[in-house]
Every structure is written in structure tokens, then in C-alpha cells.
C-alpha atoms as a PDB file:
ATOM      1  CA  MET A   1      17.463  11.324 -13.504  1.00  0.00           C
ATOM      2  CA  THR A   2      19.812  12.353 -16.079  1.00  0.00           C
ATOM      3  CA  GLU A   3      19.609  15.445 -18.311  1.00  0.00           C
ATOM      4  CA  GLN A   4      21.096  15.922 -21.736  1.00  0.00           C
ATOM      5  CA  THR A   5      21.238  19.363 -23.722  1.00  0.00           C
ATOM      6  CA  PHE A   6      21.255  20.179 -27.138  1.00  0.00           C
ATOM      7  CA  PHE A   7      21.407  22.893 -29.651  1.00  0.00           C
ATOM      8  CA  ALA A   8      19.534  22.625 -32.799  1.00  0.00           C
ATOM      9  CA  ASP A   9      21.545  22.608 -35.813  1.00  0.00           C
ATOM     10  CA  ARG A  10      18.260  22.633 -38.403  1.00  0.00           C
ATOM     11  CA  THR A  11      14.451  22.382 -38.327  1.00  0.00           C
ATOM     12  CA  ALA A  12      12.974  19.017 -37.179  1.00  0.00           C
ATOM     13  CA  ARG A  13      10.398  17.615 -35.078  1.00  0.00           C
ATOM     14  CA  VAL A  14      11.808  17.562 -31.843  1.00  0.00           C
ATOM     15  CA  ASP A  15      11.375  13.754 -31.554  1.00  0.00           C
ATOM     16  CA  VAL A  16      13.303  13.665 -34.234  1.00  0.00           C
ATOM     17  CA  PHE A  17      15.893  15.388 -33.432  1.00  0.00           C
ATOM     18  CA  LEU A  18      16.871  13.794 -30.239  1.00  0.00           C
ATOM     19  CA  SER A  19      16.031  10.253 -31.531  1.00  0.00           C
ATOM     20  CA  GLU A  20      19.187  11.224 -34.056  1.00  0.00           C
ATOM     21  CA  VAL A  21      21.341  12.807 -31.178  1.00  0.00           C
ATOM     22  CA  THR A  22      20.733  10.489 -28.699  1.00  0.00           C
ATOM     23  CA  SER A  23      20.513   6.357 -28.106  1.00  0.00           C
ATOM     24  CA  LEU A  24      16.435   6.958 -27.842  1.00  0.00           C
ATOM     25  CA  THR A  25      14.074   6.318 -30.207  1.00  0.00           C
ATOM     26  CA  ARG A  26      11.182   8.638 -31.160  1.00  0.00           C
ATOM     27  CA  SER A  27       8.591   6.474 -29.323  1.00  0.00           C
ATOM     28  CA  ALA A  28      10.869   6.631 -26.182  1.00  0.00           C
ATOM     29  CA  VAL A  29      11.362  10.447 -26.995  1.00  0.00           C
ATOM     30  CA  LYS A  30       7.382  10.810 -27.181  1.00  0.00           C
ATOM     31  CA  LYS A  31       7.100   9.060 -24.059  1.00  0.00           C
ATOM     32  CA  LEU A  32       9.291  11.415 -21.937  1.00  0.00           C
ATOM     33  CA  ALA A  33       7.842  14.422 -23.525  1.00  0.00           C
ATOM     34  CA  ASP A  34       4.155  13.648 -22.642  1.00  0.00           C
ATOM     35  CA  GLU A  35       5.486  13.026 -19.395  1.00  0.00           C
ATOM     36  CA  GLY A  36       7.013  16.788 -19.266  1.00  0.00           C
ATOM     37  CA  HIS A  37      10.408  15.466 -19.478  1.00  0.00           C
ATOM     38  CA  VAL A  38      11.238  17.430 -22.672  1.00  0.00           C
ATOM     39  CA  SER A  39      11.910  21.162 -23.330  1.00  0.00           C
ATOM     40  CA  VAL A  40      12.746  23.989 -26.112  1.00  0.00           C
ATOM     41  CA  ASN A  41      13.953  27.122 -24.903  1.00  0.00           C
ATOM     42  CA  GLY A  42      13.219  26.496 -21.334  1.00  0.00           C
ATOM     43  CA  SER A  43       9.083  25.252 -22.086  1.00  0.00           C
ATOM     44  CA  PRO A  44       7.790  22.132 -22.283  1.00  0.00           C
ATOM     45  CA  ALA A  45       7.353  20.620 -25.519  1.00  0.00           C
ATOM     46  CA  LYS A  46       5.540  17.765 -27.293  1.00  0.00           C
ATOM     47  CA  ALA A  47       6.680  15.153 -29.410  1.00  0.00           C
ATOM     48  CA  GLY A  48       5.528  16.958 -32.384  1.00  0.00           C
ATOM     49  CA  PHE A  49       7.024  20.337 -31.221  1.00  0.00           C
ATOM     50  CA  GLU A  50       9.392  21.944 -34.359  1.00  0.00           C
ATOM     51  CA  VAL A  51      12.589  23.097 -33.204  1.00  0.00           C
ATOM     52  CA  LYS A  52      14.708  25.580 -35.130  1.00  0.00           C
ATOM     53  CA  ASN A  53      18.151  26.247 -35.444  1.00  0.00           C
ATOM     54  CA  GLY A  54      19.774  27.541 -32.574  1.00  0.00           C
ATOM     55  CA  ASP A  55      16.769  26.339 -29.938  1.00  0.00           C
ATOM     56  CA  TYR A  56      17.897  24.980 -26.599  1.00  0.00           C
ATOM     57  CA  VAL A  57      16.453  21.183 -26.234  1.00  0.00           C
ATOM     58  CA  ARG A  58      16.379  19.586 -22.876  1.00  0.00           C
ATOM     59  CA  ILE A  59      15.602  16.137 -22.161  1.00  0.00           C
ATOM     60  CA  GLU A  60      15.338  14.311 -18.741  1.00  0.00           C
ATOM     61  CA  VAL A  61      15.749  10.442 -18.335  1.00  0.00           C
ATOM     62  CA  PRO A  62      14.593   8.984 -15.612  1.00  0.00           C
ATOM     63  CA  ASP A  63      16.907   6.442 -14.043  1.00  0.00           C
ATOM     64  CA  PRO A  64      15.974   2.772 -15.067  1.00  0.00           C
ATOM     65  CA  VAL A  65      13.603   1.149 -12.781  1.00  0.00           C
ATOM     66  CA  PRO A  66      14.865  -1.934 -10.935  1.00  0.00           C
ATOM     67  CA  THR A  67      13.349  -5.425 -12.641  1.00  0.00           C
ATOM     68  CA  ARG A  68      13.802  -7.327  -8.952  1.00  0.00           C
ATOM     69  CA  ALA A  69      13.805  -6.505  -5.709  1.00  0.00           C
ATOM     70  CA  VAL A  70      17.356  -6.794  -3.584  1.00  0.00           C
ATOM     71  CA  PRO A  71      18.155  -7.993  -0.250  1.00  0.00           C
ATOM     72  CA  GLU A  72      18.266  -5.481   2.641  1.00  0.00           C
ATOM     73  CA  ASP A  73      19.264  -6.418   6.007  1.00  0.00           C
ATOM     74  CA  ILE A  74      16.211  -4.601   7.516  1.00  0.00           C
ATOM     75  CA  PRO A  75      14.844  -5.757  11.033  1.00  0.00           C
ATOM     76  CA  ILE A  76      11.956  -7.307  10.799  1.00  0.00           C
ATOM     77  CA  GLU A  77       9.276  -9.582  13.152  1.00  0.00           C
ATOM     78  CA  ILE A  78       9.057 -13.098  12.272  1.00  0.00           C
ATOM     79  CA  VAL A  79       6.293 -14.958  14.110  1.00  0.00           C
ATOM     80  CA  TYR A  80       6.022 -18.171  12.863  1.00  0.00           C
ATOM     81  CA  GLU A  81       8.446 -19.951   9.762  1.00  0.00           C
ATOM     82  CA  ASP A  82       8.183 -23.546   8.069  1.00  0.00           C
ATOM     83  CA  ASP A  83       9.326 -24.689   4.804  1.00  0.00           C
ATOM     84  CA  ASP A  84       6.039 -23.362   2.785  1.00  0.00           C
ATOM     85  CA  ILE A  85       5.569 -20.105   4.708  1.00  0.00           C
ATOM     86  CA  ALA A  86       6.132 -17.303   7.276  1.00  0.00           C
ATOM     87  CA  VAL A  87       3.887 -14.987   9.228  1.00  0.00           C
ATOM     88  CA  VAL A  88       5.415 -11.750   9.919  1.00  0.00           C
ATOM     89  CA  ASN A  89       4.484  -8.920  12.183  1.00  0.00           C
ATOM     90  CA  LYS A  90       4.648  -5.919   9.778  1.00  0.00           C
ATOM     91  CA  ALA A  91       5.695  -2.463  11.651  1.00  0.00           C
ATOM     92  CA  GLN A  92       4.370   0.962  10.760  1.00  0.00           C
ATOM     93  CA  GLY A  93       5.755   2.734   8.495  1.00  0.00           C
ATOM     94  CA  MET A  94       7.211  -0.342   6.058  1.00  0.00           C
ATOM     95  CA  THR A  95       5.727  -0.482   2.905  1.00  0.00           C
ATOM     96  CA  VAL A  96       5.087  -4.129   1.715  1.00  0.00           C
ATOM     97  CA  HIS A  97       6.687  -4.296  -2.059  1.00  0.00           C
ATOM     98  CA  ALA A  98       7.996  -2.034  -4.055  1.00  0.00           C
ATOM     99  CA  GLY A  99       6.398   0.552  -6.535  1.00  0.00           C
ATOM    100  CA  ALA A 100       5.935   3.983  -7.742  1.00  0.00           C
ATOM    101  CA  GLY A 101       9.385   4.756  -6.990  1.00  0.00           C
ATOM    102  CA  ASN A 102       9.879   3.178  -3.625  1.00  0.00           C
ATOM    103  CA  TYR A 103      12.463   0.300  -4.395  1.00  0.00           C
ATOM    104  CA  GLU A 104      14.175   0.076  -1.241  1.00  0.00           C
ATOM    105  CA  GLY A 105      13.311  -0.476   2.530  1.00  0.00           C
ATOM    106  CA  THR A 106      10.626  -2.419   1.925  1.00  0.00           C
ATOM    107  CA  LEU A 107       8.935  -5.542   3.591  1.00  0.00           C
ATOM    108  CA  VAL A 108      10.179  -7.862   0.237  1.00  0.00           C
ATOM    109  CA  ASN A 109      13.684  -6.321   0.439  1.00  0.00           C
ATOM    110  CA  ALA A 110      13.585  -7.542   4.245  1.00  0.00           C
ATOM    111  CA  LEU A 111      12.418 -11.227   3.250  1.00  0.00           C
ATOM    112  CA  LEU A 112      14.622 -11.742   0.742  1.00  0.00           C
ATOM    113  CA  TYR A 113      17.754 -11.050   3.529  1.00  0.00           C
ATOM    114  CA  ARG A 114      16.389 -13.369   6.021  1.00  0.00           C
ATOM    115  CA  LEU A 115      14.569 -16.191   4.279  1.00  0.00           C
ATOM    116  CA  LYS A 116      16.120 -18.677   1.719  1.00  0.00           C
ATOM    117  CA  ASN A 117      13.237 -19.050  -0.486  1.00  0.00           C
ATOM    118  CA  LEU A 118      10.271 -17.178  -1.575  1.00  0.00           C
ATOM    119  CA  SER A 119       7.139 -18.112  -3.843  1.00  0.00           C
ATOM    120  CA  GLY A 120       7.915 -16.608  -7.417  1.00  0.00           C
ATOM    121  CA  VAL A 121       3.872 -16.270  -8.480  1.00  0.00           C
ATOM    122  CA  GLY A 122       3.647 -12.542  -7.521  1.00  0.00           C
ATOM    123  CA  GLY A 123       7.171 -11.814  -9.911  1.00  0.00           C
ATOM    124  CA  GLU A 124      10.676 -10.310  -8.995  1.00  0.00           C
ATOM    125  CA  LEU A 125       9.603  -7.269  -7.190  1.00  0.00           C
ATOM    126  CA  ARG A 126       7.043  -8.855  -5.061  1.00  0.00           C
ATOM    127  CA  PRO A 127       8.536 -12.260  -4.357  1.00  0.00           C
ATOM    128  CA  GLY A 128       6.097 -14.483  -1.644  1.00  0.00           C
ATOM    129  CA  ILE A 129       3.883 -11.779  -1.025  1.00  0.00           C
ATOM    130  CA  VAL A 130       0.287 -13.255  -1.288  1.00  0.00           C
ATOM    131  CA  HIS A 131      -1.317 -10.346   0.435  1.00  0.00           C
ATOM    132  CA  ARG A 132      -0.858  -6.550   1.849  1.00  0.00           C
ATOM    133  CA  ILE A 133      -1.605  -4.345   4.414  1.00  0.00           C
ATOM    134  CA  ASP A 134      -0.873  -0.468   4.307  1.00  0.00           C
ATOM    135  CA  LYS A 135       2.557   0.840   4.679  1.00  0.00           C
ATOM    136  CA  ASP A 136       1.187   3.173   7.842  1.00  0.00           C
ATOM    137  CA  THR A 137      -0.867  -0.110   9.168  1.00  0.00           C
ATOM    138  CA  SER A 138       0.909  -2.312  11.412  1.00  0.00           C
ATOM    139  CA  GLY A 139       0.297  -6.352  12.018  1.00  0.00           C
ATOM    140  CA  LEU A 140      -0.072  -9.774  10.510  1.00  0.00           C
ATOM    141  CA  LEU A 141       0.488 -11.117   6.728  1.00  0.00           C
ATOM    142  CA  VAL A 142       1.263 -14.578   5.645  1.00  0.00           C
ATOM    143  CA  VAL A 143       4.304 -14.927   3.260  1.00  0.00           C
ATOM    144  CA  ALA A 144       4.843 -18.147   0.682  1.00  0.00           C
ATOM    145  CA  LYS A 145       7.998 -19.576   0.234  1.00  0.00           C
ATOM    146  CA  ASN A 146       7.370 -21.930  -2.825  1.00  0.00           C
ATOM    147  CA  ASP A 147       4.127 -21.263  -5.483  1.00  0.00           C
ATOM    148  CA  PHE A 148       2.477 -24.267  -4.135  1.00  0.00           C
ATOM    149  CA  ALA A 149       2.108 -22.636  -0.728  1.00  0.00           C
ATOM    150  CA  HIS A 150       1.174 -19.293  -2.629  1.00  0.00           C
ATOM    151  CA  LEU A 151      -1.532 -20.681  -4.780  1.00  0.00           C
ATOM    152  CA  SER A 152      -2.905 -22.674  -1.834  1.00  0.00           C
ATOM    153  CA  LEU A 153      -2.664 -19.134   0.756  1.00  0.00           C
ATOM    154  CA  SER A 154      -4.516 -17.353  -2.303  1.00  0.00           C
ATOM    155  CA  LYS A 155      -7.166 -19.514  -3.059  1.00  0.00           C
ATOM    156  CA  GLN A 156      -7.930 -19.070   0.877  1.00  0.00           C
ATOM    157  CA  ILE A 157      -8.144 -15.345   0.618  1.00  0.00           C
ATOM    158  CA  ALA A 158     -10.040 -15.349  -2.769  1.00  0.00           C
ATOM    159  CA  GLU A 159     -12.500 -17.971  -1.145  1.00  0.00           C
ATOM    160  CA  LYS A 160     -12.642 -16.171   2.019  1.00  0.00           C
ATOM    161  CA  GLU A 161     -11.623 -19.307   3.715  1.00  0.00           C
ATOM    162  CA  ALA A 162      -8.808 -17.173   5.470  1.00  0.00           C
ATOM    163  CA  GLY A 163      -9.590 -14.756   8.450  1.00  0.00           C
ATOM    164  CA  ARG A 164      -8.120 -11.419   8.878  1.00  0.00           C
ATOM    165  CA  GLU A 165      -9.159  -9.427  11.814  1.00  0.00           C
ATOM    166  CA  TYR A 166      -8.027  -5.962  12.592  1.00  0.00           C
ATOM    167  CA  LEU A 167      -8.105  -3.454  15.616  1.00  0.00           C
ATOM    168  CA  ALA A 168      -8.878   0.189  15.221  1.00  0.00           C
ATOM    169  CA  LEU A 169      -9.078   3.188  17.197  1.00  0.00           C
ATOM    170  CA  LEU A 170     -12.281   5.208  15.660  1.00  0.00           C
ATOM    171  CA  GLU A 171     -13.009   9.004  15.735  1.00  0.00           C
ATOM    172  CA  GLY A 172     -16.219   9.281  17.991  1.00  0.00           C
ATOM    173  CA  VAL A 173     -18.738   6.658  19.842  1.00  0.00           C
ATOM    174  CA  LEU A 174     -20.414   4.443  17.899  1.00  0.00           C
ATOM    175  CA  LYS A 175     -23.803   3.539  19.359  1.00  0.00           C
ATOM    176  CA  GLU A 176     -24.381   0.285  18.020  1.00  0.00           C
ATOM    177  CA  ASP A 177     -22.186  -2.527  19.113  1.00  0.00           C
ATOM    178  CA  SER A 178     -21.823  -4.582  15.433  1.00  0.00           C
ATOM    179  CA  GLY A 179     -22.314  -4.133  12.344  1.00  0.00           C
ATOM    180  CA  THR A 180     -21.403  -4.731   8.445  1.00  0.00           C
ATOM    181  CA  VAL A 181     -21.104  -2.315   5.941  1.00  0.00           C
ATOM    182  CA  SER A 182     -21.217  -3.588   2.572  1.00  0.00           C
ATOM    183  CA  THR A 183     -20.595  -0.905  -0.476  1.00  0.00           C
ATOM    184  CA  ASP A 184     -19.008  -0.718  -3.998  1.00  0.00           C
ATOM    185  CA  ILE A 185     -15.133   0.817  -3.429  1.00  0.00           C
ATOM    186  CA  GLY A 186     -12.974   2.130  -6.037  1.00  0.00           C
ATOM    187  CA  ARG A 187     -11.031   5.219  -7.351  1.00  0.00           C
ATOM    188  CA  ASP A 188     -11.604   8.623  -5.576  1.00  0.00           C
ATOM    189  CA  PRO A 189     -13.083  10.331  -9.001  1.00  0.00           C
ATOM    190  CA  LYS A 190     -12.031  13.800  -7.206  1.00  0.00           C
ATOM    191  CA  ASP A 191      -8.564  12.219  -5.878  1.00  0.00           C
ATOM    192  CA  ARG A 192      -6.975   9.679  -7.460  1.00  0.00           C
ATOM    193  CA  LEU A 193      -4.924   9.065  -5.052  1.00  0.00           C
ATOM    194  CA  LYS A 194      -7.618   7.610  -2.874  1.00  0.00           C
ATOM    195  CA  MET A 195     -10.381   4.950  -2.703  1.00  0.00           C
ATOM    196  CA  ALA A 196     -14.121   6.033  -1.785  1.00  0.00           C
ATOM    197  CA  VAL A 197     -17.553   4.269  -1.748  1.00  0.00           C
ATOM    198  CA  LEU A 198     -19.176   4.279  -5.054  1.00  0.00           C
ATOM    199  CA  PRO A 199     -22.904   3.723  -6.412  1.00  0.00           C
ATOM    200  CA  ALA A 200     -23.434   0.051  -6.966  1.00  0.00           C
ATOM    201  CA  GLY A 201     -21.848  -1.294 -10.163  1.00  0.00           C
ATOM    202  CA  ARG A 202     -19.397   1.654 -10.418  1.00  0.00           C
ATOM    203  CA  GLY A 203     -16.530  -0.063  -8.202  1.00  0.00           C
ATOM    204  CA  LYS A 204     -15.540  -3.759  -6.352  1.00  0.00           C
ATOM    205  CA  SER A 205     -17.422  -5.422  -3.985  1.00  0.00           C
ATOM    206  CA  ALA A 206     -16.461  -4.590  -0.492  1.00  0.00           C
ATOM    207  CA  VAL A 207     -17.649  -6.193   2.731  1.00  0.00           C
ATOM    208  CA  THR A 208     -16.679  -5.669   6.419  1.00  0.00           C
ATOM    209  CA  ASP A 209     -18.098  -6.664   9.870  1.00  0.00           C
ATOM    210  CA  TRP A 210     -17.506  -4.749  12.853  1.00  0.00           C
ATOM    211  CA  GLU A 211     -17.990  -4.895  16.476  1.00  0.00           C
ATOM    212  CA  VAL A 212     -17.474  -2.426  19.516  1.00  0.00           C
ATOM    213  CA  VAL A 213     -14.526  -3.616  21.607  1.00  0.00           C
ATOM    214  CA  GLU A 214     -14.349  -0.499  24.255  1.00  0.00           C
ATOM    215  CA  ARG A 215     -15.586   3.097  24.497  1.00  0.00           C
ATOM    216  CA  PHE A 216     -14.176   6.064  25.514  1.00  0.00           C
ATOM    217  CA  ARG A 217     -15.495   9.733  25.443  1.00  0.00           C
ATOM    218  CA  GLU A 218     -14.567  10.706  22.346  1.00  0.00           C
ATOM    219  CA  ASN A 219     -13.233   7.322  20.729  1.00  0.00           C
ATOM    220  CA  THR A 220     -14.306   3.768  19.979  1.00  0.00           C
ATOM    221  CA  LEU A 221     -12.099   0.946  19.634  1.00  0.00           C
ATOM    222  CA  ALA A 222     -13.678  -1.525  17.346  1.00  0.00           C
ATOM    223  CA  ARG A 223     -12.638  -4.749  15.434  1.00  0.00           C
ATOM    224  CA  PHE A 224     -13.032  -5.314  11.831  1.00  0.00           C
ATOM    225  CA  THR A 225     -13.153  -8.552   9.921  1.00  0.00           C
ATOM    226  CA  LEU A 226     -12.279  -8.387   6.425  1.00  0.00           C
ATOM    227  CA  HIS A 227     -14.656 -10.580   3.788  1.00  0.00           C
ATOM    228  CA  THR A 228     -13.134  -9.525   0.832  1.00  0.00           C
ATOM    229  CA  GLY A 229      -9.582  -7.457   0.212  1.00  0.00           C
ATOM    230  CA  ARG A 230      -9.923  -4.101  -0.943  1.00  0.00           C
ATOM    231  CA  THR A 231      -7.385  -1.101  -1.227  1.00  0.00           C
ATOM    232  CA  HIS A 232      -7.891   0.858   2.225  1.00  0.00           C
ATOM    233  CA  GLN A 233     -10.880  -1.282   2.948  1.00  0.00           C
ATOM    234  CA  ILE A 234     -11.077  -0.554   6.623  1.00  0.00           C
ATOM    235  CA  ARG A 235     -10.322   2.991   6.063  1.00  0.00           C
ATOM    236  CA  VAL A 236     -12.630   3.668   3.676  1.00  0.00           C
ATOM    237  CA  HIS A 237     -15.435   2.025   5.494  1.00  0.00           C
ATOM    238  CA  ALA A 238     -14.754   3.578   8.824  1.00  0.00           C
ATOM    239  CA  ARG A 239     -14.587   7.219   7.105  1.00  0.00           C
ATOM    240  CA  TYR A 240     -18.075   5.899   5.427  1.00  0.00           C
ATOM    241  CA  MET A 241     -19.696   5.187   8.709  1.00  0.00           C
ATOM    242  CA  GLY A 242     -18.651   8.963  10.092  1.00  0.00           C
ATOM    243  CA  HIS A 243     -15.903   7.463  12.231  1.00  0.00           C
ATOM    244  CA  PRO A 244     -12.686   7.784  10.642  1.00  0.00           C
ATOM    245  CA  VAL A 245      -9.525   5.508  11.882  1.00  0.00           C
ATOM    246  CA  VAL A 246      -7.468   8.028  14.962  1.00  0.00           C
ATOM    247  CA  GLY A 247      -4.275   9.074  12.727  1.00  0.00           C
ATOM    248  CA  ASP A 248      -5.413   8.354   9.316  1.00  0.00           C
ATOM    249  CA  LYS A 249      -4.152  11.193   7.181  1.00  0.00           C
ATOM    250  CA  LEU A 250      -5.553  10.105   4.049  1.00  0.00           C
ATOM    251  CA  TYR A 251      -9.263   9.525   5.221  1.00  0.00           C
ATOM    252  CA  GLY A 252      -9.560  10.988   9.126  1.00  0.00           C
ATOM    253  CA  PHE A 253      -9.955  14.230  10.372  1.00  0.00           C
ATOM    254  CA  LYS A 254      -7.880  16.911   9.618  1.00  0.00           C
ATOM    255  CA  LYS A 255      -7.253  18.204  13.476  1.00  0.00           C
ATOM    256  CA  GLN A 256      -6.054  15.207  15.098  1.00  0.00           C
ATOM    257  CA  ARG A 257      -5.376  15.110  18.811  1.00  0.00           C
ATOM    258  CA  PHE A 258      -2.780  12.944  18.871  1.00  0.00           C
ATOM    259  CA  ASN A 259       0.789  13.534  17.298  1.00  0.00           C
ATOM    260  CA  LEU A 260       1.138   9.932  15.240  1.00  0.00           C
ATOM    261  CA  GLU A 261       3.006   8.795  12.667  1.00  0.00           C
ATOM    262  CA  GLY A 262       0.056   6.898  10.979  1.00  0.00           C
ATOM    263  CA  GLN A 263      -3.302   5.280  11.370  1.00  0.00           C
ATOM    264  CA  LEU A 264      -4.349   3.672  14.787  1.00  0.00           C
ATOM    265  CA  LEU A 265      -5.130   0.353  12.394  1.00  0.00           C
ATOM    266  CA  HIS A 266      -3.181  -2.914  13.502  1.00  0.00           C
ATOM    267  CA  ALA A 267      -3.813  -6.676  12.046  1.00  0.00           C
ATOM    268  CA  CYS A 268      -4.128  -8.254  15.085  1.00  0.00           C
ATOM    269  CA  ARG A 269      -5.383 -11.972  13.961  1.00  0.00           C
ATOM    270  CA  LEU A 270      -5.046 -14.051  11.197  1.00  0.00           C
ATOM    271  CA  THR A 271      -6.620 -17.461  10.430  1.00  0.00           C
ATOM    272  CA  LEU A 272      -5.189 -19.965   7.912  1.00  0.00           C
ATOM    273  CA  THR A 273      -5.016 -23.519   6.528  1.00  0.00           C
ATOM    274  CA  HIS A 274      -1.495 -24.697   6.147  1.00  0.00           C
ATOM    275  CA  PRO A 275      -1.146 -25.260   2.558  1.00  0.00           C
ATOM    276  CA  ARG A 276       0.620 -28.986   3.058  1.00  0.00           C
ATOM    277  CA  THR A 277      -0.334 -30.210   6.165  1.00  0.00           C
ATOM    278  CA  GLY A 278      -4.403 -28.898   6.145  1.00  0.00           C
ATOM    279  CA  GLU A 279      -3.969 -27.503   9.625  1.00  0.00           C
ATOM    280  CA  VAL A 280      -6.023 -24.719  10.635  1.00  0.00           C
ATOM    281  CA  MET A 281      -3.778 -21.998  12.458  1.00  0.00           C
ATOM    282  CA  THR A 282      -4.312 -19.129  14.017  1.00  0.00           C
ATOM    283  CA  PHE A 283      -1.613 -15.851  14.927  1.00  0.00           C
ATOM    284  CA  GLU A 284      -2.237 -12.758  16.975  1.00  0.00           C
ATOM    285  CA  ALA A 285      -0.066  -9.951  17.375  1.00  0.00           C
ATOM    286  CA  PRO A 286      -0.219  -7.598  20.554  1.00  0.00           C
ATOM    287  CA  LEU A 287      -1.216  -3.894  19.588  1.00  0.00           C
ATOM    288  CA  PRO A 288       1.985  -1.947  19.282  1.00  0.00           C
ATOM    289  CA  ASP A 289       3.558   0.056  21.707  1.00  0.00           C
ATOM    290  CA  TYR A 290       2.529   3.587  20.206  1.00  0.00           C
ATOM    291  CA  PHE A 291      -1.174   2.215  19.639  1.00  0.00           C
ATOM    292  CA  ALA A 292      -1.596   0.857  23.392  1.00  0.00           C
ATOM    293  CA  HIS A 293      -0.130   3.978  24.779  1.00  0.00           C
ATOM    294  CA  ILE A 294      -2.812   5.793  23.320  1.00  0.00           C
ATOM    295  CA  ILE A 295      -5.394   3.485  24.604  1.00  0.00           C
ATOM    296  CA  GLU A 296      -4.001   4.120  28.060  1.00  0.00           C
ATOM    297  CA  ILE A 297      -4.497   7.598  27.902  1.00  0.00           C
ATOM    298  CA  LEU A 298      -7.983   7.018  27.173  1.00  0.00           C
ATOM    299  CA  ARG A 299      -8.775   4.680  29.854  1.00  0.00           C
ATOM    300  CA  LYS A 300      -6.762   6.880  32.584  1.00  0.00           C
ATOM    301  CA  GLU A 301      -9.114   9.821  31.170  1.00  0.00           C
ATOM    302  CA  GLU A 302     -12.502   7.428  31.840  1.00  0.00           C
ATOM    303  CA  VAL A 303     -10.964   7.030  35.261  1.00  0.00           C
ATOM    304  CA  ARG A 304     -10.758  10.293  36.212  1.00  0.00           C
ATOM    305  CA  SER A 305     -14.054  11.597  34.649  1.00  0.00           C
END
């Protein structure tokens, strides 16, 4: 962020004045003013505000946004790689690609350093990225190394031909052994940072199958299978079921028993058809240590009870 300060020497609209004393256009000044980056005598000012001789005018210009991701030497686990695809077991806490002020330390930055080629279909900030998993969700995702592979994999996901399974530790004990949640999901009208189940026709269709893997006194380990790929789908559906994911800071209970860095949600199994060979391939990733440790704690409690 760069700040510039000027004293007005005449009466003029603030956007006109700043466009004359800086290299910015009036439209650029207006955009910055709308975002709260322009002030007169210490108070926020819109583009049409009239400055007078002697007024103290300040404008803040945010740093330019990168137009492409850059390679970074960040450790990642690549479980499979050939000339067309790579399958990665993403660690919890790593964002998949750049966005919203986060342009470093992402999986894309690591992939650019580790792999020779990535598809360009997703753009220069998302090379190779066919699908995503949340920052605080761990597990498997496939990366395309060329556009041919990217288009094939995207089609498989869109047409529900690729299989994606997750393991999640839920709050509470599920009574049924299995089921399906089918709702519309969209932005939460009360909190734009969250997604929510919406009335029919108000969001996008989201379908999730679930089954119980193991029950504990106060928790359930469940397997989820995605039929659609909406943002935060499993986390939203788990909350909708009344059993949010343990450790979920956005959708989970405010009071958490365990001190966790994020939700206990892991993309454990990925099935796809290889774009070039047509071979059906299945990949599995075991629970990360922190997740497995919580499961062991719960199992020991069951033995003692």
C-alpha cells in the first residue's frame, strides 16, 4: 500500500484534483474512493466531494495484484505423476490457488516449482487446477499437466464420472447408518463469507451421500461422497444435518473440545479415468496424523467406558 498526501490549492472535485496531481485517471480515483482509500482532512471522501484551498487530501493506492503465480520451494506430497496428470495429497492449512490477497504459499506456487508443465485452461493464477478442496481440508486432488488432460478431467467431474470421497469426524451421534442430503446451496444472506442451505431455486443443487464408519460416545466418523462440487458442500450439509464437522471454525460449534487448526475433514479417496489411456484409477490417502490421533483418543474412551 502506497500513501500520497496533497494540499489542495483550489476548489475542485476530489477525483478531478487527484487525477491532475497523480498519474491516476478519474475512474481509478473513483474506484479507490468507493473502496475507502481517499480522505479529505482525515475523513473518508467520495469522488464527487468538493475540496477547497488548503484541504488535506490523502489517497492510498494498494500494491498491484500479481497477474500470474510464481514458483516457490514448498514441500508437497505427490502420490502419482505421469506426463498428463499429478495427484497431490494436500496438507491442511494450504490454500489451493491465489486469490483475495493471498498470492504466496499456495499449492499452485508449489506445483510450479515441482512440475515441469501445468495446463493453462484455469488461467495464470490457477494453472493445472481442475478442482479444489478447502484450505483447512486435507487430502487428494488431481492436477492437469496439459490442456487435453484438464478438459477431460473437468468433464468427468461435471458429469459426475469422477469419484470423490471424504472422511469427517462429526459432532454428535448419527442415528441412521446412511443417507443422502439434497439441497440448494448458495451464499448465506446474513454472512457473505459463508455458504448456506437455501430454499429450492435460490441456490445451486448440491447432493451428498453419507454413511457411518464408526460411532463414539459424542461423535461420529462418517464417509461422504460428493455428487456435486459446491463451495463448502460437505461442511454446509453436515451443519444442515445438525452434526457439523469437528474443528470447523466457520460452520461448527463455538465450543470445541479439541484444540485444532481446522476441521477434521479429509479427501481420502479419488477415482478418475485417465485422460489418455482410459484406465480407471483410484487413489487413497490415509488420515493425517492429527486426525488419526483424535480418533485414537475417542476409541480409548470407548474401551474405558
